[in-house]
Amino acid sequence: MANTTARIRKGSLTFEIIVDMDEALKFKKGTSNFIAPETDKVFTDLKKGNVASKSELEKSFGTSDINEIAKVIVKQGDVEVNQEHRDEEKEKKIRQVVDFLARNSTNPQTGNPHSPDRIRSALEQAHINIKNVPIEEQIEEILSHISLILPIKIETKRIKILIPAIHTGRAYGIISPYKEKEDWLNDGSLEVVVNIPAGIIIDFYDKLNSVTHGSIVATEIKE
């Protein structure tokens, strides 16, 4: 258990509160329903020990209830994390990328897959900054860097998808990262060709069917 500071800016004031780091991060991510502050005070400057007045709290948060204010600060503000947590999150992201590439990539010179150790070594040599976004949104950038060190190719499938007009708005964000070609039809529906890593096709279809209620028509394009 490690205490940390959560803070938020409201107008000209900054409000800070002491919370348990792990519990605060769970609450911020939506995996916990309650965040209990480690003190019954909200500070305008924790280091100086300046405590927010009741009137400042009520003006900024509409309440002086410390528990309710803590929820707002943690959910909408920033939670400081220690180096150990940053290292753990970095390692988690690296493992996700290594696993993705080990499952979906090959050496185009031999047709053989790369080992996880070889992929990790290439990532380290390339000094790639793996971002805190879904892998599919940054995989092209990652490949552009490690391909200078390691011959690598992602196995993909090309698929033609017809999306009814009523669902194009919600579906577009899902297909956009993989879109090769799009054609808006006269009835407002969208016909699009996507190129998707083979290892995430099931997840891609799940997301797309969820927002379109299973109304898409998909056809794999054979090379």
C-alpha atoms as a PDB file:
ATOM      1  CA  MET A   1       0.000   0.000   0.000  1.00  0.00           C
ATOM      2  CA  ALA A   2       1.447   3.367  -1.050  1.00  0.00           C
ATOM      3  CA  ASN A   3      -0.091   6.748  -0.453  1.00  0.00           C
ATOM      4  CA  THR A   4       0.062   9.361  -3.158  1.00  0.00           C
ATOM      5  CA  THR A   5      -1.380  12.717  -4.127  1.00  0.00           C
ATOM      6  CA  ALA A   6      -4.383  13.269  -6.374  1.00  0.00           C
ATOM      7  CA  ARG A   7      -5.024  16.796  -7.600  1.00  0.00           C
ATOM      8  CA  ILE A   8      -7.375  18.802  -9.744  1.00  0.00           C
ATOM      9  CA  ARG A   9      -7.507  22.402 -10.938  1.00  0.00           C
ATOM     10  CA  LYS A  10     -10.742  24.294 -10.341  1.00  0.00           C
ATOM     11  CA  GLY A  11     -10.669  27.900 -11.509  1.00  0.00           C
ATOM     12  CA  SER A  12      -7.710  29.614  -9.875  1.00  0.00           C
ATOM     13  CA  LEU A  13      -7.295  26.953  -7.176  1.00  0.00           C
ATOM     14  CA  THR A  14      -5.620  23.560  -7.103  1.00  0.00           C
ATOM     15  CA  PHE A  15      -7.118  20.971  -4.777  1.00  0.00           C
ATOM     16  CA  GLU A  16      -5.031  18.053  -3.499  1.00  0.00           C
ATOM     17  CA  ILE A  17      -5.850  15.025  -1.419  1.00  0.00           C
ATOM     18  CA  ILE A  18      -3.923  12.029  -0.090  1.00  0.00           C
ATOM     19  CA  VAL A  19      -5.152   8.655  -1.356  1.00  0.00           C
ATOM     20  CA  ASP A  20      -3.987   5.072  -1.639  1.00  0.00           C
ATOM     21  CA  MET A  21      -2.381   4.877  -5.078  1.00  0.00           C
ATOM     22  CA  ASP A  22      -3.606   1.404  -6.042  1.00  0.00           C
ATOM     23  CA  GLU A  23      -7.189   2.065  -4.938  1.00  0.00           C
ATOM     24  CA  ALA A  24      -7.220   5.465  -6.623  1.00  0.00           C
ATOM     25  CA  LEU A  25      -6.048   4.012  -9.933  1.00  0.00           C
ATOM     26  CA  LYS A  26      -8.665   1.260  -9.749  1.00  0.00           C
ATOM     27  CA  PHE A  27     -11.368   3.862  -9.134  1.00  0.00           C
ATOM     28  CA  LYS A  28     -10.079   6.063 -11.977  1.00  0.00           C
ATOM     29  CA  LYS A  29     -10.181   3.108 -14.380  1.00  0.00           C
ATOM     30  CA  GLY A  30     -13.700   2.190 -13.268  1.00  0.00           C
ATOM     31  CA  THR A  31     -12.760  -1.149 -11.695  1.00  0.00           C
ATOM     32  CA  SER A  32     -13.625   0.016  -8.165  1.00  0.00           C
ATOM     33  CA  ASN A  33     -16.774   1.788  -7.004  1.00  0.00           C
ATOM     34  CA  PHE A  34     -15.386   3.776  -4.091  1.00  0.00           C
ATOM     35  CA  ILE A  35     -12.278   5.717  -3.244  1.00  0.00           C
ATOM     36  CA  ALA A  36     -11.638   6.516   0.427  1.00  0.00           C
ATOM     37  CA  PRO A  37      -9.240   9.409   1.111  1.00  0.00           C
ATOM     38  CA  GLU A  38      -6.421   8.810   3.572  1.00  0.00           C
ATOM     39  CA  THR A  39      -7.213  12.046   5.415  1.00  0.00           C
ATOM     40  CA  ASP A  40     -10.285  14.132   6.185  1.00  0.00           C
ATOM     41  CA  LYS A  41      -8.693  17.222   4.639  1.00  0.00           C
ATOM     42  CA  VAL A  42      -8.479  18.649   1.142  1.00  0.00           C
ATOM     43  CA  PHE A  43      -5.466  20.870   0.530  1.00  0.00           C
ATOM     44  CA  THR A  44      -4.849  23.774  -1.790  1.00  0.00           C
ATOM     45  CA  ASP A  45      -1.118  23.142  -1.330  1.00  0.00           C
ATOM     46  CA  LEU A  46      -0.256  19.829   0.282  1.00  0.00           C
ATOM     47  CA  LYS A  47       3.472  20.547   0.652  1.00  0.00           C
ATOM     48  CA  LYS A  48       2.776  23.766   2.534  1.00  0.00           C
ATOM     49  CA  GLY A  49      -0.047  22.204   4.526  1.00  0.00           C
ATOM     50  CA  ASN A  50      -2.612  24.730   3.254  1.00  0.00           C
ATOM     51  CA  VAL A  51      -6.078  23.305   3.880  1.00  0.00           C
ATOM     52  CA  ALA A  52      -9.014  24.281   1.649  1.00  0.00           C
ATOM     53  CA  SER A  53     -11.809  26.080   3.438  1.00  0.00           C
ATOM     54  CA  LYS A  54     -15.366  24.802   3.514  1.00  0.00           C
ATOM     55  CA  SER A  55     -16.509  27.720   1.361  1.00  0.00           C
ATOM     56  CA  GLU A  56     -13.808  26.996  -1.254  1.00  0.00           C
ATOM     57  CA  LEU A  57     -14.877  23.367  -1.404  1.00  0.00           C
ATOM     58  CA  GLU A  58     -18.569  24.155  -1.704  1.00  0.00           C
ATOM     59  CA  LYS A  59     -17.920  26.771  -4.387  1.00  0.00           C
ATOM     60  CA  SER A  60     -15.716  24.459  -6.447  1.00  0.00           C
ATOM     61  CA  PHE A  61     -17.380  21.073  -5.881  1.00  0.00           C
ATOM     62  CA  GLY A  62     -20.888  21.946  -4.733  1.00  0.00           C
ATOM     63  CA  THR A  63     -20.279  20.046  -1.482  1.00  0.00           C
ATOM     64  CA  SER A  64     -17.921  19.885   1.479  1.00  0.00           C
ATOM     65  CA  ASP A  65     -18.243  16.099   1.788  1.00  0.00           C
ATOM     66  CA  ILE A  66     -14.644  14.856   1.676  1.00  0.00           C
ATOM     67  CA  ASN A  67     -15.546  11.435   0.264  1.00  0.00           C
ATOM     68  CA  GLU A  68     -17.525  12.934  -2.628  1.00  0.00           C
ATOM     69  CA  ILE A  69     -14.805  15.486  -3.335  1.00  0.00           C
ATOM     70  CA  ALA A  70     -12.165  12.741  -3.330  1.00  0.00           C
ATOM     71  CA  LYS A  71     -14.129  10.873  -5.995  1.00  0.00           C
ATOM     72  CA  VAL A  72     -14.188  13.957  -8.231  1.00  0.00           C
ATOM     73  CA  ILE A  73     -10.507  14.717  -7.731  1.00  0.00           C
ATOM     74  CA  VAL A  74      -9.434  11.154  -8.513  1.00  0.00           C
ATOM     75  CA  LYS A  75     -11.815  10.559 -11.416  1.00  0.00           C
ATOM     76  CA  GLN A  76     -11.382  13.910 -13.162  1.00  0.00           C
ATOM     77  CA  GLY A  77      -7.937  14.962 -11.955  1.00  0.00           C
ATOM     78  CA  ASP A  78      -4.429  13.512 -11.904  1.00  0.00           C
ATOM     79  CA  VAL A  79      -3.097  10.767  -9.651  1.00  0.00           C
ATOM     80  CA  GLU A  80       0.643  10.755  -9.015  1.00  0.00           C
ATOM     81  CA  VAL A  81       2.267   7.356  -9.502  1.00  0.00           C
ATOM     82  CA  ASN A  82       5.623   6.144  -8.230  1.00  0.00           C
ATOM     83  CA  GLN A  83       8.511   4.792 -10.295  1.00  0.00           C
ATOM     84  CA  GLU A  84       7.643   1.204  -9.444  1.00  0.00           C
ATOM     85  CA  HIS A  85       4.182   1.630 -10.935  1.00  0.00           C
ATOM     86  CA  ARG A  86       5.572   3.335 -14.051  1.00  0.00           C
ATOM     87  CA  ASP A  87       8.032   0.474 -14.516  1.00  0.00           C
ATOM     88  CA  GLU A  88       5.247  -2.109 -14.114  1.00  0.00           C
ATOM     89  CA  GLU A  89       3.038  -0.336 -16.667  1.00  0.00           C
ATOM     90  CA  LYS A  90       5.947  -0.058 -19.111  1.00  0.00           C
ATOM     91  CA  GLU A  91       6.723  -3.767 -18.768  1.00  0.00           C
ATOM     92  CA  LYS A  92       3.042  -4.637 -19.251  1.00  0.00           C
ATOM     93  CA  LYS A  93       2.882  -2.650 -22.503  1.00  0.00           C
ATOM     94  CA  ILE A  94       6.110  -4.236 -23.756  1.00  0.00           C
ATOM     95  CA  ARG A  95       4.741  -7.734 -23.060  1.00  0.00           C
ATOM     96  CA  GLN A  96       1.541  -6.899 -24.938  1.00  0.00           C
ATOM     97  CA  VAL A  97       3.472  -5.747 -28.006  1.00  0.00           C
ATOM     98  CA  VAL A  98       5.842  -8.726 -27.877  1.00  0.00           C
ATOM     99  CA  ASP A  99       2.918 -11.136 -27.593  1.00  0.00           C
ATOM    100  CA  PHE A 100       1.061  -9.436 -30.457  1.00  0.00           C
ATOM    101  CA  LEU A 101       4.072  -9.557 -32.779  1.00  0.00           C
ATOM    102  CA  ALA A 102       4.988 -13.114 -31.813  1.00  0.00           C
ATOM    103  CA  ARG A 103       1.464 -14.239 -32.768  1.00  0.00           C
ATOM    104  CA  ASN A 104       1.023 -12.133 -35.897  1.00  0.00           C
ATOM    105  CA  SER A 105       4.406 -11.573 -37.524  1.00  0.00           C
ATOM    106  CA  THR A 106       6.925 -13.557 -39.538  1.00  0.00           C
ATOM    107  CA  ASN A 107      10.350 -13.101 -41.041  1.00  0.00           C
ATOM    108  CA  PRO A 108       9.534 -12.311 -44.716  1.00  0.00           C
ATOM    109  CA  GLN A 109      12.907 -13.735 -45.743  1.00  0.00           C
ATOM    110  CA  THR A 110      12.237 -17.183 -44.304  1.00  0.00           C
ATOM    111  CA  GLY A 111       8.509 -17.269 -43.580  1.00  0.00           C
ATOM    112  CA  ASN A 112       9.282 -18.353 -40.012  1.00  0.00           C
ATOM    113  CA  PRO A 113       7.915 -16.639 -36.894  1.00  0.00           C
ATOM    114  CA  HIS A 114      10.158 -14.590 -34.637  1.00  0.00           C
ATOM    115  CA  SER A 115      10.704 -15.677 -31.045  1.00  0.00           C
ATOM    116  CA  PRO A 116       9.410 -13.395 -28.259  1.00  0.00           C
ATOM    117  CA  ASP A 117      13.000 -12.911 -27.046  1.00  0.00           C
ATOM    118  CA  ARG A 118      14.143 -11.741 -30.478  1.00  0.00           C
ATOM    119  CA  ILE A 119      11.224  -9.329 -30.760  1.00  0.00           C
ATOM    120  CA  ARG A 120      11.870  -7.905 -27.275  1.00  0.00           C
ATOM    121  CA  SER A 121      15.543  -7.439 -28.133  1.00  0.00           C
ATOM    122  CA  ALA A 122      14.617  -5.525 -31.302  1.00  0.00           C
ATOM    123  CA  LEU A 123      12.228  -3.295 -29.352  1.00  0.00           C
ATOM    124  CA  GLU A 124      14.985  -2.486 -26.855  1.00  0.00           C
ATOM    125  CA  GLN A 125      17.553  -1.807 -29.585  1.00  0.00           C
ATOM    126  CA  ALA A 126      15.137   0.503 -31.419  1.00  0.00           C
ATOM    127  CA  HIS A 127      14.404   2.480 -28.210  1.00  0.00           C
ATOM    128  CA  ILE A 128      10.713   2.556 -29.052  1.00  0.00           C
ATOM    129  CA  ASN A 129       8.378   4.562 -26.857  1.00  0.00           C
ATOM    130  CA  ILE A 130       5.317   2.338 -26.553  1.00  0.00           C
ATOM    131  CA  LYS A 131       2.301   4.543 -25.953  1.00  0.00           C
ATOM    132  CA  ASN A 132      -0.614   3.952 -23.648  1.00  0.00           C
ATOM    133  CA  VAL A 133      -3.043   3.365 -26.531  1.00  0.00           C
ATOM    134  CA  PRO A 134      -4.344   0.151 -28.148  1.00  0.00           C
ATOM    135  CA  ILE A 135      -1.631  -1.793 -29.972  1.00  0.00           C
ATOM    136  CA  GLU A 136      -3.422  -1.615 -33.308  1.00  0.00           C
ATOM    137  CA  GLU A 137      -3.251   2.187 -33.216  1.00  0.00           C
ATOM    138  CA  GLN A 138       0.551   2.228 -32.973  1.00  0.00           C
ATOM    139  CA  ILE A 139       1.659  -1.011 -34.585  1.00  0.00           C
ATOM    140  CA  GLU A 140       2.618   0.628 -37.899  1.00  0.00           C
ATOM    141  CA  GLU A 141       4.904   3.064 -36.089  1.00  0.00           C
ATOM    142  CA  ILE A 142       6.441   0.250 -34.036  1.00  0.00           C
ATOM    143  CA  LEU A 143       7.053  -1.828 -37.152  1.00  0.00           C
ATOM    144  CA  SER A 144       8.681   1.092 -38.953  1.00  0.00           C
ATOM    145  CA  HIS A 145      11.287   1.247 -36.186  1.00  0.00           C
ATOM    146  CA  ILE A 146      12.042  -2.409 -35.530  1.00  0.00           C
ATOM    147  CA  SER A 147      12.064  -3.319 -39.219  1.00  0.00           C
ATOM    148  CA  LEU A 148      15.371  -1.422 -39.383  1.00  0.00           C
ATOM    149  CA  ILE A 149      16.770  -4.047 -37.012  1.00  0.00           C
ATOM    150  CA  LEU A 150      14.648  -7.113 -37.658  1.00  0.00           C
ATOM    151  CA  PRO A 151      13.112  -8.313 -40.950  1.00  0.00           C
ATOM    152  CA  ILE A 152       9.453  -8.500 -39.958  1.00  0.00           C
ATOM    153  CA  LYS A 153       6.057  -8.603 -41.582  1.00  0.00           C
ATOM    154  CA  ILE A 154       2.580  -8.695 -40.075  1.00  0.00           C
ATOM    155  CA  GLU A 155       0.301 -11.415 -41.423  1.00  0.00           C
ATOM    156  CA  THR A 156      -2.913  -9.679 -42.443  1.00  0.00           C
ATOM    157  CA  LYS A 157      -6.225 -10.391 -44.125  1.00  0.00           C
ATOM    158  CA  ARG A 158      -8.016  -8.062 -46.535  1.00  0.00           C
ATOM    159  CA  ILE A 159     -11.762  -7.885 -46.015  1.00  0.00           C
ATOM    160  CA  LYS A 160     -14.524  -6.019 -47.828  1.00  0.00           C
ATOM    161  CA  ILE A 161     -17.229  -4.810 -45.461  1.00  0.00           C
ATOM    162  CA  LEU A 162     -20.624  -3.279 -46.186  1.00  0.00           C
ATOM    163  CA  ILE A 163     -21.958  -1.169 -43.318  1.00  0.00           C
ATOM    164  CA  PRO A 164     -25.619   0.010 -43.333  1.00  0.00           C
ATOM    165  CA  ALA A 165     -26.077   3.780 -43.338  1.00  0.00           C
ATOM    166  CA  ILE A 166     -27.628   3.868 -39.869  1.00  0.00           C
ATOM    167  CA  HIS A 167     -24.470   2.420 -38.299  1.00  0.00           C
ATOM    168  CA  THR A 168     -21.677   4.126 -40.254  1.00  0.00           C
ATOM    169  CA  GLY A 169     -21.049   6.832 -37.646  1.00  0.00           C
ATOM    170  CA  ARG A 170     -20.325   4.433 -34.790  1.00  0.00           C
ATOM    171  CA  ALA A 171     -18.515   1.906 -36.983  1.00  0.00           C
ATOM    172  CA  TYR A 172     -16.172   4.347 -38.698  1.00  0.00           C
ATOM    173  CA  GLY A 173     -13.859   4.763 -35.722  1.00  0.00           C
ATOM    174  CA  ILE A 174     -13.396   0.982 -35.508  1.00  0.00           C
ATOM    175  CA  ILE A 175     -12.548   0.467 -39.173  1.00  0.00           C
ATOM    176  CA  SER A 176     -10.520   3.644 -39.657  1.00  0.00           C
ATOM    177  CA  PRO A 177      -7.111   2.318 -38.438  1.00  0.00           C
ATOM    178  CA  TYR A 178      -7.250  -0.502 -41.022  1.00  0.00           C
ATOM    179  CA  LYS A 179      -8.998   1.208 -43.931  1.00  0.00           C
ATOM    180  CA  GLU A 180      -7.464   0.843 -47.389  1.00  0.00           C
ATOM    181  CA  LYS A 181     -10.365   2.030 -49.487  1.00  0.00           C
ATOM    182  CA  GLU A 182     -13.850   3.374 -48.892  1.00  0.00           C
ATOM    183  CA  ASP A 183     -16.865   3.951 -51.099  1.00  0.00           C
ATOM    184  CA  TRP A 184     -19.970   5.771 -49.899  1.00  0.00           C
ATOM    185  CA  LEU A 185     -23.009   4.374 -51.689  1.00  0.00           C
ATOM    186  CA  ASN A 186     -26.090   6.295 -52.791  1.00  0.00           C
ATOM    187  CA  ASP A 187     -28.207   4.970 -49.922  1.00  0.00           C
ATOM    188  CA  GLY A 188     -25.690   6.250 -47.339  1.00  0.00           C
ATOM    189  CA  SER A 189     -24.166   2.868 -46.604  1.00  0.00           C
ATOM    190  CA  LEU A 190     -20.406   2.424 -46.615  1.00  0.00           C
ATOM    191  CA  GLU A 191     -18.397  -0.176 -48.485  1.00  0.00           C
ATOM    192  CA  VAL A 192     -14.859  -0.380 -47.202  1.00  0.00           C
ATOM    193  CA  VAL A 193     -11.800  -2.550 -47.711  1.00  0.00           C
ATOM    194  CA  VAL A 194      -9.735  -3.117 -44.572  1.00  0.00           C
ATOM    195  CA  ASN A 195      -6.400  -4.823 -44.032  1.00  0.00           C
ATOM    196  CA  ILE A 196      -6.336  -6.372 -40.550  1.00  0.00           C
ATOM    197  CA  PRO A 197      -3.681  -8.302 -38.590  1.00  0.00           C
ATOM    198  CA  ALA A 198      -4.843 -11.903 -38.543  1.00  0.00           C
ATOM    199  CA  GLY A 199      -4.523 -12.203 -34.781  1.00  0.00           C
ATOM    200  CA  ILE A 200      -7.105  -9.528 -33.976  1.00  0.00           C
ATOM    201  CA  ILE A 201      -9.788 -10.328 -36.537  1.00  0.00           C
ATOM    202  CA  ILE A 202     -12.116 -11.955 -33.995  1.00  0.00           C
ATOM    203  CA  ASP A 203     -11.835  -8.965 -31.662  1.00  0.00           C
ATOM    204  CA  PHE A 204     -12.364  -6.611 -34.621  1.00  0.00           C
ATOM    205  CA  TYR A 205     -15.547  -8.407 -35.648  1.00  0.00           C
ATOM    206  CA  ASP A 206     -16.786  -8.432 -32.056  1.00  0.00           C
ATOM    207  CA  LYS A 207     -16.411  -4.660 -31.795  1.00  0.00           C
ATOM    208  CA  LEU A 208     -17.933  -4.023 -35.206  1.00  0.00           C
ATOM    209  CA  ASN A 209     -20.896  -6.347 -34.657  1.00  0.00           C
ATOM    210  CA  SER A 210     -21.509  -4.762 -31.259  1.00  0.00           C
ATOM    211  CA  VAL A 211     -22.060  -1.270 -32.688  1.00  0.00           C
ATOM    212  CA  THR A 212     -23.894  -2.446 -35.828  1.00  0.00           C
ATOM    213  CA  HIS A 213     -26.021  -5.118 -34.136  1.00  0.00           C
ATOM    214  CA  GLY A 214     -24.527  -7.733 -36.455  1.00  0.00           C
ATOM    215  CA  SER A 215     -25.832  -6.048 -39.609  1.00  0.00           C
ATOM    216  CA  ILE A 216     -22.554  -5.814 -41.548  1.00  0.00           C
ATOM    217  CA  VAL A 217     -21.757  -7.970 -44.562  1.00  0.00           C
ATOM    218  CA  ALA A 218     -18.104  -9.034 -44.643  1.00  0.00           C
ATOM    219  CA  THR A 219     -16.239 -10.886 -47.387  1.00  0.00           C
ATOM    220  CA  GLU A 220     -12.596 -11.920 -47.238  1.00  0.00           C
ATOM    221  CA  ILE A 221     -10.626 -10.864 -50.297  1.00  0.00           C
ATOM    222  CA  LYS A 222      -8.498 -13.753 -51.509  1.00  0.00           C
ATOM    223  CA  GLU A 223      -5.150 -12.737 -52.963  1.00  0.00           C
END
